[in-house]
Amino acid sequence: MKRKCEHIISTRDGRRSIYVDSVNKREIIDYLYQDERHGKKFKYITEIILGGYRNTALYDKEDINEKSRGVTAMKFFKGQENDRIYCKEIRTQTGTFIVVAAILHRRKKSIGLSAKEIALIEKVGGYQYEI
């Protein structure tokens, strides 16, 4: 069954967009707007994504195996809380690039990936979205 997602922001030409998973929307939105600091960081990360820039310190692929294809992570406050929002990248038939913020993972504790993080990444990798 395809999951639903809701539009957050797009580029002016509509070629790049960011959506949020409908099931996890409340948790993700509450996290992003719990204070000004989180909101500013999210805005900065979305500008990187929508601009087509590469900054692996803030947004990078989580390419660990076949099940994790198309999964990326928005990285918040590395060296501090070290929270992540695992995302699914999708390209539509018309060529629009979409990033769906799928699951919030708070307080990543290890430098590498723990079994819990691998399970979350593989879970997001299996999601299919209805755009």
Protein backbone atom coordinates (compact mmCIF):
# COMPACT_ATOMS: atom_id res chain seq x y z
CA MET A 1 0.00 0.00 0.00
CA LYS A 2 1.31 3.43 -0.92
CA ARG A 3 1.82 5.96 1.84
CA LYS A 4 0.47 9.47 1.67
CA CYS A 5 2.59 12.58 2.00
CA GLU A 6 1.90 16.30 2.14
CA HIS A 7 3.64 19.13 0.32
CA ILE A 8 5.78 21.55 2.33
CA ILE A 9 7.77 23.63 -0.16
CA SER A 10 8.92 23.69 -3.79
CA THR A 11 11.24 25.67 -6.00
CA ARG A 12 9.61 28.38 -8.08
CA ASP A 13 9.83 26.27 -11.22
CA GLY A 14 8.42 23.23 -9.39
CA ARG A 15 11.35 20.97 -10.35
CA ARG A 16 12.30 20.22 -6.72
CA SER A 17 9.95 19.72 -3.78
CA ILE A 18 9.92 18.68 -0.16
CA TYR A 19 7.05 16.70 1.34
CA VAL A 20 6.37 15.15 4.75
CA ASP A 21 4.99 11.67 5.48
CA SER A 22 1.32 12.04 6.50
CA VAL A 23 1.53 9.41 9.26
CA ASN A 24 4.61 10.96 10.92
CA LYS A 25 3.77 14.57 10.04
CA ARG A 26 2.76 15.74 13.51
CA GLU A 27 5.93 14.41 15.18
CA ILE A 28 8.21 15.84 12.47
CA ILE A 29 6.51 19.26 12.33
CA ASP A 30 6.45 19.53 16.14
CA TYR A 31 10.18 18.75 16.17
CA LEU A 32 11.01 21.29 13.46
CA TYR A 33 9.08 24.11 15.05
CA GLN A 34 9.69 23.40 18.73
CA ASP A 35 12.03 26.39 18.79
CA GLU A 36 13.65 28.90 16.47
CA ARG A 37 16.94 26.95 16.34
CA HIS A 38 15.33 23.83 14.83
CA GLY A 39 13.27 25.88 12.38
CA LYS A 40 16.34 27.78 11.15
CA LYS A 41 18.32 24.56 10.66
CA PHE A 42 15.45 22.97 8.73
CA LYS A 43 15.14 26.06 6.53
CA TYR A 44 18.87 25.93 5.80
CA ILE A 45 18.77 22.21 4.93
CA THR A 46 15.75 22.71 2.66
CA GLU A 47 17.56 25.55 0.86
CA ILE A 48 20.47 23.17 0.19
CA ILE A 49 18.13 20.47 -1.16
CA LEU A 50 15.98 22.81 -3.25
CA GLY A 51 19.06 24.57 -4.60
CA GLY A 52 20.57 21.27 -5.72
CA TYR A 53 23.69 21.82 -3.61
CA ARG A 54 25.70 19.12 -1.89
CA ASN A 55 26.54 19.37 1.81
CA THR A 56 27.09 15.90 3.28
CA ALA A 57 27.44 17.32 6.78
CA LEU A 58 23.75 18.34 6.69
CA TYR A 59 22.09 16.10 4.09
CA ASP A 60 23.49 12.85 2.74
CA LYS A 61 22.58 9.45 1.35
CA GLU A 62 22.21 6.51 3.74
CA ASP A 63 23.34 3.99 1.14
CA ILE A 64 24.04 0.91 3.27
CA ASN A 65 22.45 -1.89 1.21
CA GLU A 66 19.85 -2.63 -1.47
CA LYS A 67 16.96 -2.02 0.96
CA SER A 68 18.14 1.52 1.63
CA ARG A 69 17.99 2.79 -1.95
CA GLY A 70 16.88 6.39 -2.15
CA VAL A 71 17.13 6.97 1.61
CA THR A 72 18.82 10.12 2.86
CA ALA A 73 19.15 11.89 6.19
CA MET A 74 18.70 15.49 7.24
CA LYS A 75 21.27 15.92 10.00
CA PHE A 76 20.50 18.25 12.88
CA PHE A 77 23.12 19.48 15.35
CA LYS A 78 25.93 16.96 14.88
CA GLY A 79 28.04 16.75 17.99
CA GLN A 80 25.08 17.87 20.10
CA GLU A 81 21.64 16.24 19.94
CA ASN A 82 22.59 14.60 16.61
CA ASP A 83 18.98 14.11 15.50
CA ARG A 84 18.07 12.82 12.05
CA ILE A 85 15.08 12.94 9.77
CA TYR A 86 15.30 9.97 7.42
CA CYS A 87 13.94 10.83 3.99
CA LYS A 88 13.00 9.09 0.77
CA GLU A 89 14.10 10.61 -2.54
CA ILE A 90 11.75 10.15 -5.48
CA ARG A 91 11.86 11.28 -9.09
CA THR A 92 8.46 11.54 -10.78
CA GLN A 93 7.74 10.59 -14.38
CA THR A 94 7.82 14.28 -15.29
CA GLY A 95 11.30 14.62 -13.78
CA THR A 96 10.38 16.41 -10.56
CA PHE A 97 12.80 15.63 -7.72
CA ILE A 98 10.98 15.04 -4.43
CA VAL A 99 12.31 14.50 -0.92
CA VAL A 100 9.80 13.08 1.57
CA ALA A 101 10.70 13.61 5.24
CA ALA A 102 9.61 10.19 6.49
CA ILE A 103 10.80 9.37 10.03
CA LEU A 104 12.29 11.38 12.90
CA HIS A 105 15.13 9.72 14.78
CA ARG A 106 16.22 11.59 17.89
CA ARG A 107 19.65 11.48 19.47
CA LYS A 108 21.78 9.31 17.22
CA LYS A 109 24.40 8.09 19.65
CA SER A 110 27.03 6.29 17.59
CA ILE A 111 29.41 7.37 14.87
CA GLY A 112 28.38 4.40 12.75
CA LEU A 113 24.89 3.01 12.33
CA SER A 114 23.31 0.95 15.10
CA ALA A 115 20.92 -1.93 14.42
CA LYS A 116 18.01 0.40 15.28
CA GLU A 117 19.16 2.99 12.73
CA ILE A 118 19.70 0.35 10.04
CA ALA A 119 16.16 -0.95 10.66
CA LEU A 120 14.73 2.60 10.35
CA ILE A 121 16.67 3.27 7.14
CA GLU A 122 15.54 -0.02 5.59
CA LYS A 123 11.95 0.71 6.65
CA VAL A 124 12.04 4.09 4.87
CA GLY A 125 13.68 2.41 1.87
CA GLY A 126 10.61 0.18 1.54
CA TYR A 127 8.15 3.09 1.55
CA GLN A 128 6.35 3.98 -1.65
CA TYR A 129 4.60 7.31 -1.78
CA GLU A 130 1.49 8.59 -3.50
CA ILE A 131 2.36 12.05 -4.77
